[in-house]
PDB file of N, CA and C in Angstrom:
ATOM      1  N   MET A   1      21.956  11.889  43.078  1.00  0.00           N
ATOM      2  CA  MET A   1      21.052  12.009  42.146  1.00  0.00           C
ATOM      3  C   MET A   1      20.915  12.371  41.606  1.00  0.00           C
ATOM      4  N   VAL A   2      20.305  13.926  41.841  1.00  0.00           N
ATOM      5  CA  VAL A   2      19.175  14.743  41.140  1.00  0.00           C
ATOM      6  C   VAL A   2      20.763  15.424  39.551  1.00  0.00           C
ATOM      7  N   LEU A   3      22.060  15.036  40.124  1.00  0.00           N
ATOM      8  CA  LEU A   3      23.147  15.868  39.329  1.00  0.00           C
ATOM      9  C   LEU A   3      23.324  14.194  38.502  1.00  0.00           C
ATOM     10  N   MET A   4      23.114  13.666  38.554  1.00  0.00           N
ATOM     11  CA  MET A   4      23.061  12.311  37.370  1.00  0.00           C
ATOM     12  C   MET A   4      21.927  12.156  36.304  1.00  0.00           C
ATOM     13  N   LYS A   5      20.813  12.639  37.029  1.00  0.00           N
ATOM     14  CA  LYS A   5      19.934  12.697  36.230  1.00  0.00           C
ATOM     15  C   LYS A   5      20.027  13.586  35.264  1.00  0.00           C
ATOM     16  N   LYS A   6      20.688  15.074  35.483  1.00  0.00           N
ATOM     17  CA  LYS A   6      20.265  16.021  34.449  1.00  0.00           C
ATOM     18  C   LYS A   6      22.248  15.750  34.061  1.00  0.00           C
ATOM     19  N   HIS A   7      23.017  15.064  34.406  1.00  0.00           N
ATOM     20  CA  HIS A   7      23.744  14.515  33.151  1.00  0.00           C
ATOM     21  C   HIS A   7      23.300  13.741  32.147  1.00  0.00           C
ATOM     22  N   TYR A   8      22.588  12.840  32.547  1.00  0.00           N
ATOM     23  CA  TYR A   8      21.987  11.727  31.891  1.00  0.00           C
ATOM     24  C   TYR A   8      21.243  12.213  30.970  1.00  0.00           C
ATOM     25  N   PHE A   9      20.404  13.215  30.769  1.00  0.00           N
ATOM     26  CA  PHE A   9      19.308  13.918  30.148  1.00  0.00           C
ATOM     27  C   PHE A   9      20.725  14.722  28.806  1.00  0.00           C
ATOM     28  N   SER A  10      21.568  15.292  29.927  1.00  0.00           N
ATOM     29  CA  SER A  10      22.231  16.122  28.426  1.00  0.00           C
ATOM     30  C   SER A  10      23.342  14.878  27.368  1.00  0.00           C
ATOM     31  N   SER A  11      23.043  13.637  27.615  1.00  0.00           N
ATOM     32  CA  SER A  11      24.030  13.026  27.558  1.00  0.00           C
ATOM     33  C   SER A  11      23.085  12.651  26.470  1.00  0.00           C
ATOM     34  N   VAL A  12      22.044  12.386  26.461  1.00  0.00           N
ATOM     35  CA  VAL A  12      21.230  12.040  25.446  1.00  0.00           C
ATOM     36  C   VAL A  12      20.909  12.859  24.600  1.00  0.00           C
ATOM     37  N   SER A  13      20.663  14.093  24.713  1.00  0.00           N
ATOM     38  CA  SER A  13      20.341  14.984  23.634  1.00  0.00           C
ATOM     39  C   SER A  13      21.797  15.680  23.476  1.00  0.00           C
ATOM     40  N   SER A  14      22.531  15.008  23.420  1.00  0.00           N
ATOM     41  CA  SER A  14      24.027  15.683  23.092  1.00  0.00           C
ATOM     42  C   SER A  14      24.639  15.033  21.786  1.00  0.00           C
ATOM     43  N   PHE A  15      24.018  13.054  21.799  1.00  0.00           N
ATOM     44  CA  PHE A  15      24.113  12.518  20.464  1.00  0.00           C
ATOM     45  C   PHE A  15      22.828  12.712  19.293  1.00  0.00           C
ATOM     46  N   THR A  16      21.647  12.989  19.996  1.00  0.00           N
ATOM     47  CA  THR A  16      20.352  13.092  18.919  1.00  0.00           C
ATOM     48  C   THR A  16      20.713  13.659  17.942  1.00  0.00           C
ATOM     49  N   HIS A  17      21.084  15.121  17.959  1.00  0.00           N
ATOM     50  CA  HIS A  17      21.496  16.022  17.161  1.00  0.00           C
ATOM     51  C   HIS A  17      22.608  15.524  15.908  1.00  0.00           C
ATOM     52  N   LYS A  18      23.146  14.539  16.000  1.00  0.00           N
ATOM     53  CA  LYS A  18      24.372  13.821  15.262  1.00  0.00           C
ATOM     54  C   LYS A  18      23.839  13.128  14.539  1.00  0.00           C
ATOM     55  N   ILE A  19      22.608  12.583  14.449  1.00  0.00           N
ATOM     56  CA  ILE A  19      22.100  11.207  13.921  1.00  0.00           C
ATOM     57  C   ILE A  19      20.960  12.308  12.918  1.00  0.00           C
ATOM     58  N   GLU A  20      21.618  11.756  11.949  1.00  0.00           N
ATOM     59  CA  GLU A  20      20.568  12.255  10.456  1.00  0.00           C
ATOM     60  C   GLU A  20      19.836  11.223  10.029  1.00  0.00           C
ATOM     61  N   VAL A  21      18.924  11.566  10.229  1.00  0.00           N
ATOM     62  CA  VAL A  21      17.347  10.674  10.091  1.00  0.00           C
ATOM     63  C   VAL A  21      16.590  10.984   8.571  1.00  0.00           C
ATOM     64  N   THR A  22      16.742  10.230   7.826  1.00  0.00           N
ATOM     65  CA  THR A  22      15.882  10.027   6.346  1.00  0.00           C
ATOM     66  C   THR A  22      14.846   9.367   6.067  1.00  0.00           C
ATOM     67  N   PHE A  23      13.954   9.827   5.538  1.00  0.00           N
ATOM     68  CA  PHE A  23      13.067   8.826   5.009  1.00  0.00           C
ATOM     69  C   PHE A  23      13.401   7.926   3.747  1.00  0.00           C
ATOM     70  N   HIS A  24      12.870   6.364   4.087  1.00  0.00           N
ATOM     71  CA  HIS A  24      13.358   5.644   3.132  1.00  0.00           C
ATOM     72  C   HIS A  24      12.169   5.133   2.850  1.00  0.00           C
ATOM     73  N   TYR A  25      10.649   4.577   2.977  1.00  0.00           N
ATOM     74  CA  TYR A  25       9.466   4.544   2.773  1.00  0.00           C
ATOM     75  C   TYR A  25       8.516   4.060   4.051  1.00  0.00           C
ATOM     76  N   PHE A  26       7.436   3.509   3.646  1.00  0.00           N
ATOM     77  CA  PHE A  26       6.487   3.530   4.604  1.00  0.00           C
ATOM     78  C   PHE A  26       5.586   2.056   4.180  1.00  0.00           C
ATOM     79  N   ASP A  27       5.321   1.057   4.669  1.00  0.00           N
ATOM     80  CA  ASP A  27       4.865   0.077   4.059  1.00  0.00           C
ATOM     81  C   ASP A  27       3.407   0.388   5.032  1.00  0.00           C
ATOM     82  N   LEU A  28       2.707  -0.200   3.840  1.00  0.00           N
ATOM     83  CA  LEU A  28       1.063  -0.217   4.560  1.00  0.00           C
ATOM     84  C   LEU A  28       0.473  -1.597   5.232  1.00  0.00           C
ATOM     85  N   GLN A  29       1.312  -2.721   4.857  1.00  0.00           N
ATOM     86  CA  GLN A  29       1.007  -4.482   5.786  1.00  0.00           C
ATOM     87  C   GLN A  29       1.165  -3.883   7.226  1.00  0.00           C
ATOM     88  N   TYR A  30       1.894  -2.757   7.646  1.00  0.00           N
ATOM     89  CA  TYR A  30       2.034  -2.693   9.131  1.00  0.00           C
ATOM     90  C   TYR A  30       1.485  -1.681   9.810  1.00  0.00           C
ATOM     91  N   SER A  31       0.740  -1.182   8.669  1.00  0.00           N
ATOM     92  CA  SER A  31       0.041   0.218   9.226  1.00  0.00           C
ATOM     93  C   SER A  31      -1.426   0.191   9.178  1.00  0.00           C
ATOM     94  N   ASP A  32      -2.093   1.117   9.962  1.00  0.00           N
ATOM     95  CA  ASP A  32      -3.764   1.145   9.999  1.00  0.00           C
ATOM     96  C   ASP A  32      -3.899   2.184  10.774  1.00  0.00           C
ATOM     97  N   GLU A  33      -5.273   2.568  11.258  1.00  0.00           N
ATOM     98  CA  GLU A  33      -6.092   3.612  11.632  1.00  0.00           C
ATOM     99  C   GLU A  33      -5.334   4.613  12.526  1.00  0.00           C
ATOM    100  N   ARG A  34      -4.603   3.636  13.653  1.00  0.00           N
ATOM    101  CA  ARG A  34      -3.949   4.068  14.837  1.00  0.00           C
ATOM    102  C   ARG A  34      -2.702   3.708  14.904  1.00  0.00           C
ATOM    103  N   THR A  35      -1.937   3.353  14.101  1.00  0.00           N
ATOM    104  CA  THR A  35      -0.478   3.257  13.920  1.00  0.00           C
ATOM    105  C   THR A  35       0.468   3.185  12.562  1.00  0.00           C
ATOM    106  N   PHE A  36       1.094   4.024  12.611  1.00  0.00           N
ATOM    107  CA  PHE A  36       1.990   4.897  11.346  1.00  0.00           C
ATOM    108  C   PHE A  36       3.426   4.032  11.483  1.00  0.00           C
ATOM    109  N   PHE A  37       4.069   2.693  10.241  1.00  0.00           N
ATOM    110  CA  PHE A  37       5.104   2.822  10.542  1.00  0.00           C
ATOM    111  C   PHE A  37       5.700   3.608   9.208  1.00  0.00           C
ATOM    112  N   ILE A  38       7.195   3.791   9.724  1.00  0.00           N
ATOM    113  CA  ILE A  38       7.894   4.441   8.457  1.00  0.00           C
ATOM    114  C   ILE A  38       9.370   3.835   8.728  1.00  0.00           C
ATOM    115  N   THR A  39      10.063   3.649   7.431  1.00  0.00           N
ATOM    116  CA  THR A  39      11.040   2.860   7.561  1.00  0.00           C
ATOM    117  C   THR A  39      12.504   4.307   7.237  1.00  0.00           C
ATOM    118  N   VAL A  40      13.194   4.037   7.916  1.00  0.00           N
ATOM    119  CA  VAL A  40      14.098   5.532   8.340  1.00  0.00           C
ATOM    120  C   VAL A  40      15.470   4.932   7.487  1.00  0.00           C
ATOM    121  N   ILE A  41      16.203   6.022   7.344  1.00  0.00           N
ATOM    122  CA  ILE A  41      17.676   5.612   7.548  1.00  0.00           C
ATOM    123  C   ILE A  41      18.737   6.586   8.562  1.00  0.00           C
ATOM    124  N   LEU A  42      18.777   5.750   9.561  1.00  0.00           N
ATOM    125  CA  LEU A  42      19.826   6.612  10.355  1.00  0.00           C
ATOM    126  C   LEU A  42      20.839   6.855  10.337  1.00  0.00           C
ATOM    127  N   LYS A  43      21.735   7.803  10.202  1.00  0.00           N
ATOM    128  CA  LYS A  43      23.091   8.089   9.698  1.00  0.00           C
ATOM    129  C   LYS A  43      24.160   8.453  10.827  1.00  0.00           C
ATOM    130  N   TYR A  44      25.208   8.165  10.842  1.00  0.00           N
ATOM    131  CA  TYR A  44      26.182   8.990  11.596  1.00  0.00           C
ATOM    132  C   TYR A  44      27.595   8.548  10.739  1.00  0.00           C
ATOM    133  N   GLN A  45      27.768  10.094  10.768  1.00  0.00           N
ATOM    134  CA  GLN A  45      29.200  10.207  10.123  1.00  0.00           C
ATOM    135  C   GLN A  45      29.100   9.101   8.627  1.00  0.00           C
ATOM    136  N   THR A  46      29.879   8.185   8.512  1.00  0.00           N
ATOM    137  CA  THR A  46      29.488   7.557   7.328  1.00  0.00           C
ATOM    138  C   THR A  46      28.850   6.200   7.578  1.00  0.00           C
ATOM    139  N   HIS A  47      28.021   5.654   8.414  1.00  0.00           N
ATOM    140  CA  HIS A  47      27.708   4.792   8.699  1.00  0.00           C
ATOM    141  C   HIS A  47      26.250   4.722   8.727  1.00  0.00           C
ATOM    142  N   GLN A  48      25.345   4.004   8.445  1.00  0.00           N
ATOM    143  CA  GLN A  48      24.276   4.113   8.402  1.00  0.00           C
ATOM    144  C   GLN A  48      23.150   2.947   8.746  1.00  0.00           C
ATOM    145  N   VAL A  49      22.371   2.517   9.555  1.00  0.00           N
ATOM    146  CA  VAL A  49      21.453   1.676   9.531  1.00  0.00           C
ATOM    147  C   VAL A  49      19.959   2.051   8.987  1.00  0.00           C
ATOM    148  N   LEU A  50      19.135   0.758   8.267  1.00  0.00           N
ATOM    149  CA  LEU A  50      17.415   0.847   8.382  1.00  0.00           C
ATOM    150  C   LEU A  50      17.006   0.653   9.856  1.00  0.00           C
ATOM    151  N   CYS A  51      15.535   1.175  10.132  1.00  0.00           N
ATOM    152  CA  CYS A  51      14.908   1.443  11.220  1.00  0.00           C
ATOM    153  C   CYS A  51      13.459   2.097  11.112  1.00  0.00           C
ATOM    154  N   ASP A  52      13.051   1.421  11.588  1.00  0.00           N
ATOM    155  CA  ASP A  52      11.797   1.479  11.700  1.00  0.00           C
ATOM    156  C   ASP A  52      11.122   2.104  12.725  1.00  0.00           C
ATOM    157  N   PHE A  53      10.220   3.187  12.193  1.00  0.00           N
ATOM    158  CA  PHE A  53       9.615   4.137  13.439  1.00  0.00           C
ATOM    159  C   PHE A  53       8.394   3.983  13.340  1.00  0.00           C
ATOM    160  N   ILE A  54       7.302   3.570  14.600  1.00  0.00           N
ATOM    161  CA  ILE A  54       6.000   2.930  14.413  1.00  0.00           C
ATOM    162  C   ILE A  54       5.773   4.550  15.404  1.00  0.00           C
ATOM    163  N   TYR A  55       4.498   5.060  14.970  1.00  0.00           N
ATOM    164  CA  TYR A  55       3.937   6.260  15.642  1.00  0.00           C
ATOM    165  C   TYR A  55       2.568   6.091  15.697  1.00  0.00           C
ATOM    166  N   ILE A  56       2.029   6.364  16.995  1.00  0.00           N
ATOM    167  CA  ILE A  56       0.653   6.021  17.526  1.00  0.00           C
ATOM    168  C   ILE A  56       0.154   7.424  17.005  1.00  0.00           C
ATOM    169  N   LEU A  57      -1.146   7.170  16.584  1.00  0.00           N
ATOM    170  CA  LEU A  57      -2.052   8.302  16.043  1.00  0.00           C
ATOM    171  C   LEU A  57      -3.208   8.398  16.542  1.00  0.00           C
ATOM    172  N   ASP A  58      -3.727   7.633  17.716  1.00  0.00           N
ATOM    173  CA  ASP A  58      -4.817   7.787  18.009  1.00  0.00           C
ATOM    174  C   ASP A  58      -5.163   8.599  19.460  1.00  0.00           C
ATOM    175  N   HIS A  59      -3.888   9.429  19.516  1.00  0.00           N
ATOM    176  CA  HIS A  59      -3.576   9.845  21.109  1.00  0.00           C
ATOM    177  C   HIS A  59      -3.933  11.782  20.175  1.00  0.00           C
ATOM    178  N   PRO A  60      -4.352  12.366  21.270  1.00  0.00           N
ATOM    179  CA  PRO A  60      -4.331  13.884  20.846  1.00  0.00           C
ATOM    180  C   PRO A  60      -2.724  14.266  20.278  1.00  0.00           C
ATOM    181  N   GLU A  61      -1.717  13.938  21.002  1.00  0.00           N
ATOM    182  CA  GLU A  61       0.006  14.144  20.316  1.00  0.00           C
ATOM    183  C   GLU A  61       0.117  12.932  19.532  1.00  0.00           C
ATOM    184  N   VAL A  62       0.733  13.132  18.159  1.00  0.00           N
ATOM    185  CA  VAL A  62       1.131  12.177  17.606  1.00  0.00           C
ATOM    186  C   VAL A  62       2.683  12.003  18.506  1.00  0.00           C
ATOM    187  N   TYR A  63       3.022  10.562  18.498  1.00  0.00           N
ATOM    188  CA  TYR A  63       4.109  10.036  19.285  1.00  0.00           C
ATOM    189  C   TYR A  63       4.566   8.963  18.839  1.00  0.00           C
ATOM    190  N   GLY A  64       6.188   8.618  19.071  1.00  0.00           N
ATOM    191  CA  GLY A  64       6.761   7.508  18.216  1.00  0.00           C
ATOM    192  C   GLY A  64       7.850   7.249  19.315  1.00  0.00           C
ATOM    193  N   ALA A  65       8.233   5.853  18.147  1.00  0.00           N
ATOM    194  CA  ALA A  65       9.516   5.037  19.231  1.00  0.00           C
ATOM    195  C   ALA A  65      10.067   4.578  17.948  1.00  0.00           C
ATOM    196  N   ILE A  66      11.489   3.901  18.102  1.00  0.00           N
ATOM    197  CA  ILE A  66      11.294   2.939  17.033  1.00  0.00           C
ATOM    198  C   ILE A  66      10.821   1.428  17.394  1.00  0.00           C
ATOM    199  N   SER A  67      10.424   0.877  16.185  1.00  0.00           N
ATOM    200  CA  SER A  67       9.961  -0.561  16.231  1.00  0.00           C
ATOM    201  C   SER A  67      10.802  -2.028  16.545  1.00  0.00           C
ATOM    202  N   ILE A  68      10.119  -2.335  17.450  1.00  0.00           N
ATOM    203  CA  ILE A  68      10.560  -3.194  17.879  1.00  0.00           C
ATOM    204  C   ILE A  68      10.709  -4.825  16.811  1.00  0.00           C
ATOM    205  N   ASN A  69      11.414  -4.531  15.370  1.00  0.00           N
ATOM    206  CA  ASN A  69      10.928  -5.519  14.792  1.00  0.00           C
ATOM    207  C   ASN A  69      12.061  -6.095  14.458  1.00  0.00           C
ATOM    208  N   GLU A  70      12.382  -6.706  12.506  1.00  0.00           N
ATOM    209  CA  GLU A  70      13.860  -7.589  12.394  1.00  0.00           C
ATOM    210  C   GLU A  70      14.578  -5.975  12.019  1.00  0.00           C
ATOM    211  N   HIS A  71      14.491  -4.747  12.096  1.00  0.00           N
ATOM    212  CA  HIS A  71      15.439  -3.901  12.143  1.00  0.00           C
ATOM    213  C   HIS A  71      16.067  -3.196  13.122  1.00  0.00           C
ATOM    214  N   TYR A  72      15.495  -3.598  14.503  1.00  0.00           N
ATOM    215  CA  TYR A  72      15.627  -3.338  15.840  1.00  0.00           C
ATOM    216  C   TYR A  72      16.914  -3.442  16.647  1.00  0.00           C
ATOM    217  N   ALA A  73      17.328  -4.763  16.427  1.00  0.00           N
ATOM    218  CA  ALA A  73      19.049  -5.497  16.611  1.00  0.00           C
ATOM    219  C   ALA A  73      20.301  -4.577  15.997  1.00  0.00           C
ATOM    220  N   ASN A  74      19.535  -4.340  15.019  1.00  0.00           N
ATOM    221  CA  ASN A  74      20.661  -3.848  13.667  1.00  0.00           C
ATOM    222  C   ASN A  74      20.988  -2.253  14.402  1.00  0.00           C
ATOM    223  N   ALA A  75      19.746  -1.630  14.965  1.00  0.00           N
ATOM    224  CA  ALA A  75      19.840  -0.238  15.185  1.00  0.00           C
ATOM    225  C   ALA A  75      20.511  -0.353  16.632  1.00  0.00           C
ATOM    226  N   LYS A  76      20.135  -1.099  17.506  1.00  0.00           N
ATOM    227  CA  LYS A  76      20.819  -1.101  18.663  1.00  0.00           C
ATOM    228  C   LYS A  76      22.769  -1.284  18.906  1.00  0.00           C
ATOM    229  N   LYS A  77      23.023  -2.325  17.659  1.00  0.00           N
ATOM    230  CA  LYS A  77      24.142  -2.541  17.278  1.00  0.00           C
ATOM    231  C   LYS A  77      24.696  -1.247  16.885  1.00  0.00           C
ATOM    232  N   PHE A  78      24.274  -0.532  15.713  1.00  0.00           N
ATOM    233  CA  PHE A  78      24.956   0.828  15.041  1.00  0.00           C
ATOM    234  C   PHE A  78      24.971   1.639  16.630  1.00  0.00           C
ATOM    235  N   PHE A  79      24.008   2.074  17.392  1.00  0.00           N
ATOM    236  CA  PHE A  79      24.570   2.746  18.179  1.00  0.00           C
ATOM    237  C   PHE A  79      25.622   2.748  19.086  1.00  0.00           C
ATOM    238  N   GLU A  80      25.545   1.218  19.518  1.00  0.00           N
ATOM    239  CA  GLU A  80      26.506   0.766  20.318  1.00  0.00           C
ATOM    240  C   GLU A  80      28.315   0.863  19.587  1.00  0.00           C
ATOM    241  N   GLN A  81      28.300   0.575  18.449  1.00  0.00           N
ATOM    242  CA  GLN A  81      29.307   0.425  17.484  1.00  0.00           C
ATOM    243  C   GLN A  81      29.868   1.572  17.076  1.00  0.00           C
ATOM    244  N   HIS A  82      28.897   2.806  16.967  1.00  0.00           N
ATOM    245  CA  HIS A  82      29.426   3.529  15.947  1.00  0.00           C
ATOM    246  C   HIS A  82      29.034   5.304  16.581  1.00  0.00           C
ATOM    247  N   VAL A  83      28.177   4.883  17.942  1.00  0.00           N
ATOM    248  CA  VAL A  83      27.737   6.514  18.365  1.00  0.00           C
ATOM    249  C   VAL A  83      28.653   5.916  19.567  1.00  0.00           C
ATOM    250  N   HIS A  84      28.721   5.067  20.245  1.00  0.00           N
ATOM    251  CA  HIS A  84      29.220   4.322  21.542  1.00  0.00           C
ATOM    252  C   HIS A  84      28.471   4.488  22.689  1.00  0.00           C
ATOM    253  N   HIS A  85      26.865   4.459  21.851  1.00  0.00           N
ATOM    254  CA  HIS A  85      25.575   4.637  23.332  1.00  0.00           C
ATOM    255  C   HIS A  85      24.890   3.651  23.100  1.00  0.00           C
ATOM    256  N   THR A  86      24.507   3.147  24.581  1.00  0.00           N
ATOM    257  CA  THR A  86      23.521   1.800  24.599  1.00  0.00           C
ATOM    258  C   THR A  86      22.186   3.042  24.334  1.00  0.00           C
ATOM    259  N   LEU A  87      21.183   2.711  23.175  1.00  0.00           N
ATOM    260  CA  LEU A  87      20.157   3.023  22.978  1.00  0.00           C
ATOM    261  C   LEU A  87      18.813   2.766  24.009  1.00  0.00           C
ATOM    262  N   LEU A  88      18.270   3.660  24.281  1.00  0.00           N
ATOM    263  CA  LEU A  88      17.338   3.612  25.237  1.00  0.00           C
ATOM    264  C   LEU A  88      16.006   4.476  25.277  1.00  0.00           C
ATOM    265  N   TYR A  89      15.350   4.091  25.838  1.00  0.00           N
ATOM    266  CA  TYR A  89      13.755   4.415  25.155  1.00  0.00           C
ATOM    267  C   TYR A  89      13.760   5.548  24.833  1.00  0.00           C
ATOM    268  N   SER A  90      14.141   6.569  25.695  1.00  0.00           N
ATOM    269  CA  SER A  90      13.861   8.049  26.364  1.00  0.00           C
ATOM    270  C   SER A  90      14.595   8.364  24.600  1.00  0.00           C
ATOM    271  N   ASP A  91      15.526   7.530  24.044  1.00  0.00           N
ATOM    272  CA  ASP A  91      16.801   8.312  22.972  1.00  0.00           C
ATOM    273  C   ASP A  91      15.225   7.992  21.854  1.00  0.00           C
ATOM    274  N   GLU A  92      14.922   6.701  21.806  1.00  0.00           N
ATOM    275  CA  GLU A  92      14.127   6.544  20.281  1.00  0.00           C
ATOM    276  C   GLU A  92      13.055   7.551  20.546  1.00  0.00           C
ATOM    277  N   LEU A  93      12.334   8.198  21.469  1.00  0.00           N
ATOM    278  CA  LEU A  93      11.080   8.962  21.391  1.00  0.00           C
ATOM    279  C   LEU A  93      11.482  10.346  20.959  1.00  0.00           C
ATOM    280  N   LEU A  94      13.188  10.629  21.575  1.00  0.00           N
ATOM    281  CA  LEU A  94      13.313  12.113  20.947  1.00  0.00           C
ATOM    282  C   LEU A  94      13.719  11.578  19.452  1.00  0.00           C
ATOM    283  N   LEU A  95      14.371  10.652  19.030  1.00  0.00           N
ATOM    284  CA  LEU A  95      14.378  10.900  17.871  1.00  0.00           C
ATOM    285  C   LEU A  95      13.583  10.710  16.656  1.00  0.00           C
ATOM    286  N   ALA A  96      12.293  10.023  17.489  1.00  0.00           N
ATOM    287  CA  ALA A  96      11.219  10.100  16.724  1.00  0.00           C
ATOM    288  C   ALA A  96      10.149  11.383  16.665  1.00  0.00           C
ATOM    289  N   GLN A  97      10.570  11.817  17.989  1.00  0.00           N
ATOM    290  CA  GLN A  97       9.850  13.351  17.969  1.00  0.00           C
ATOM    291  C   GLN A  97      10.477  14.402  16.382  1.00  0.00           C
ATOM    292  N   ASN A  98      12.044  13.883  16.583  1.00  0.00           N
ATOM    293  CA  ASN A  98      12.854  15.285  15.744  1.00  0.00           C
ATOM    294  C   ASN A  98      12.322  14.551  14.205  1.00  0.00           C
ATOM    295  N   PHE A  99      12.161  13.120  13.950  1.00  0.00           N
ATOM    296  CA  PHE A  99      11.417  13.609  12.817  1.00  0.00           C
ATOM    297  C   PHE A  99      10.332  13.952  12.084  1.00  0.00           C
ATOM    298  N   THR A 100       9.268  14.096  13.282  1.00  0.00           N
ATOM    299  CA  THR A 100       7.725  14.447  13.084  1.00  0.00           C
ATOM    300  C   THR A 100       8.818  16.147  12.536  1.00  0.00           C
ATOM    301  N   ASP A 101       9.378  16.791  12.736  1.00  0.00           N
ATOM    302  CA  ASP A 101       9.427  18.219  12.212  1.00  0.00           C
ATOM    303  C   ASP A 101       9.988  18.367  10.917  1.00  0.00           C
ATOM    304  N   THR A 102      10.136  17.101   9.886  1.00  0.00           N
ATOM    305  CA  THR A 102      10.885  17.441   9.048  1.00  0.00           C
ATOM    306  C   THR A 102       9.484  16.918   8.032  1.00  0.00           C
ATOM    307  N   HIS A 103      10.359  18.041   6.633  1.00  0.00           N
ATOM    308  CA  HIS A 103       9.188  17.793   5.708  1.00  0.00           C
ATOM    309  C   HIS A 103       8.878  16.923   4.779  1.00  0.00           C
ATOM    310  N   SER A 104       9.507  15.588   4.838  1.00  0.00           N
ATOM    311  CA  SER A 104       9.701  14.258   4.963  1.00  0.00           C
ATOM    312  C   SER A 104       8.342  13.376   5.070  1.00  0.00           C
ATOM    313  N   PHE A 105       8.587  13.943   6.645  1.00  0.00           N
ATOM    314  CA  PHE A 105       7.298  13.223   7.067  1.00  0.00           C
ATOM    315  C   PHE A 105       6.058  13.529   7.425  1.00  0.00           C
ATOM    316  N   LYS A 106       6.344  14.971   7.166  1.00  0.00           N
ATOM    317  CA  LYS A 106       4.708  15.483   6.721  1.00  0.00           C
ATOM    318  C   LYS A 106       4.057  15.551   5.641  1.00  0.00           C
ATOM    319  N   LYS A 107       4.800  15.372   4.794  1.00  0.00           N
ATOM    320  CA  LYS A 107       4.305  15.323   3.449  1.00  0.00           C
ATOM    321  C   LYS A 107       3.541  13.535   3.133  1.00  0.00           C
ATOM    322  N   THR A 108       4.499  12.765   4.009  1.00  0.00           N
ATOM    323  CA  THR A 108       4.448  11.472   4.290  1.00  0.00           C
ATOM    324  C   THR A 108       2.999  11.327   5.205  1.00  0.00           C
ATOM    325  N   SER A 109       2.723  11.666   6.086  1.00  0.00           N
ATOM    326  CA  SER A 109       1.907  11.773   7.063  1.00  0.00           C
ATOM    327  C   SER A 109       0.632  12.219   6.575  1.00  0.00           C
ATOM    328  N   ASP A 110       1.074  13.320   5.631  1.00  0.00           N
ATOM    329  CA  ASP A 110      -0.415  14.088   5.010  1.00  0.00           C
ATOM    330  C   ASP A 110      -0.989  13.295   3.983  1.00  0.00           C
ATOM    331  N   ASN A 111      -0.281  12.252   3.074  1.00  0.00           N
ATOM    332  CA  ASN A 111      -0.924  11.113   2.420  1.00  0.00           C
ATOM    333  C   ASN A 111      -0.834   9.826   3.494  1.00  0.00           C
ATOM    334  N   TYR A 112      -0.903   9.323   3.922  1.00  0.00           N
ATOM    335  CA  TYR A 112      -0.595   8.357   4.689  1.00  0.00           C
ATOM    336  C   TYR A 112      -2.044   8.080   4.469  1.00  0.00           C
ATOM    337  N   HIS A 113      -3.392   8.537   4.805  1.00  0.00           N
ATOM    338  CA  HIS A 113      -4.799   8.179   5.144  1.00  0.00           C
ATOM    339  C   HIS A 113      -5.017   8.071   3.355  1.00  0.00           C
ATOM    340  N   LEU A 114      -4.848   8.399   2.133  1.00  0.00           N
ATOM    341  CA  LEU A 114      -4.879   8.305   1.266  1.00  0.00           C
ATOM    342  C   LEU A 114      -4.601   6.913   0.756  1.00  0.00           C
ATOM    343  N   PHE A 115      -3.752   6.271   1.320  1.00  0.00           N
ATOM    344  CA  PHE A 115      -3.255   4.886   1.090  1.00  0.00           C
ATOM    345  C   PHE A 115      -4.321   3.780   1.641  1.00  0.00           C
ATOM    346  N   LEU A 116      -4.366   4.029   2.815  1.00  0.00           N
ATOM    347  CA  LEU A 116      -4.871   2.985   3.860  1.00  0.00           C
ATOM    348  C   LEU A 116      -6.139   2.024   2.970  1.00  0.00           C
ATOM    349  N   PRO A 117      -6.290   1.269   3.412  1.00  0.00           N
ATOM    350  CA  PRO A 117      -7.082   0.229   2.495  1.00  0.00           C
ATOM    351  C   PRO A 117      -8.280   0.281   3.674  1.00  0.00           C
ATOM    352  N   LYS A 118     -10.068   0.720   2.503  1.00  0.00           N
ATOM    353  CA  LYS A 118     -10.947   1.016   3.586  1.00  0.00           C
ATOM    354  C   LYS A 118     -11.394   0.012   3.903  1.00  0.00           C
ATOM    355  N   LYS A 119     -11.862   0.153   4.504  1.00  0.00           N
ATOM    356  CA  LYS A 119     -12.730  -0.861   5.625  1.00  0.00           C
ATOM    357  C   LYS A 119     -14.415  -1.068   5.591  1.00  0.00           C
TER     358      LYS A 119
END
């Protein structure tokens, strides 16, 4: 059983580094002081799909995953068809976490609160 878990985690990390995640835009309609939605483009080889990451901001550490919205079904289909992998929640967490290390995420999140409507 332990060997299966080790294999599972290595298979998750083996494909996520092959996925390019680029910033597309963020929409304040869905964002607030606690949650930050960023639309990104997931690319694998010549294939791409839009996807929304949702980040929870009211915790000591920022963490995110793929938002279950109108883009979610297409993102799942993208992974199944082109990456030959069923998208798991652990994959979503890893992809969202990797994106937090990019310049575009840092720049967007730094400016994010400037655009929030004042209550």
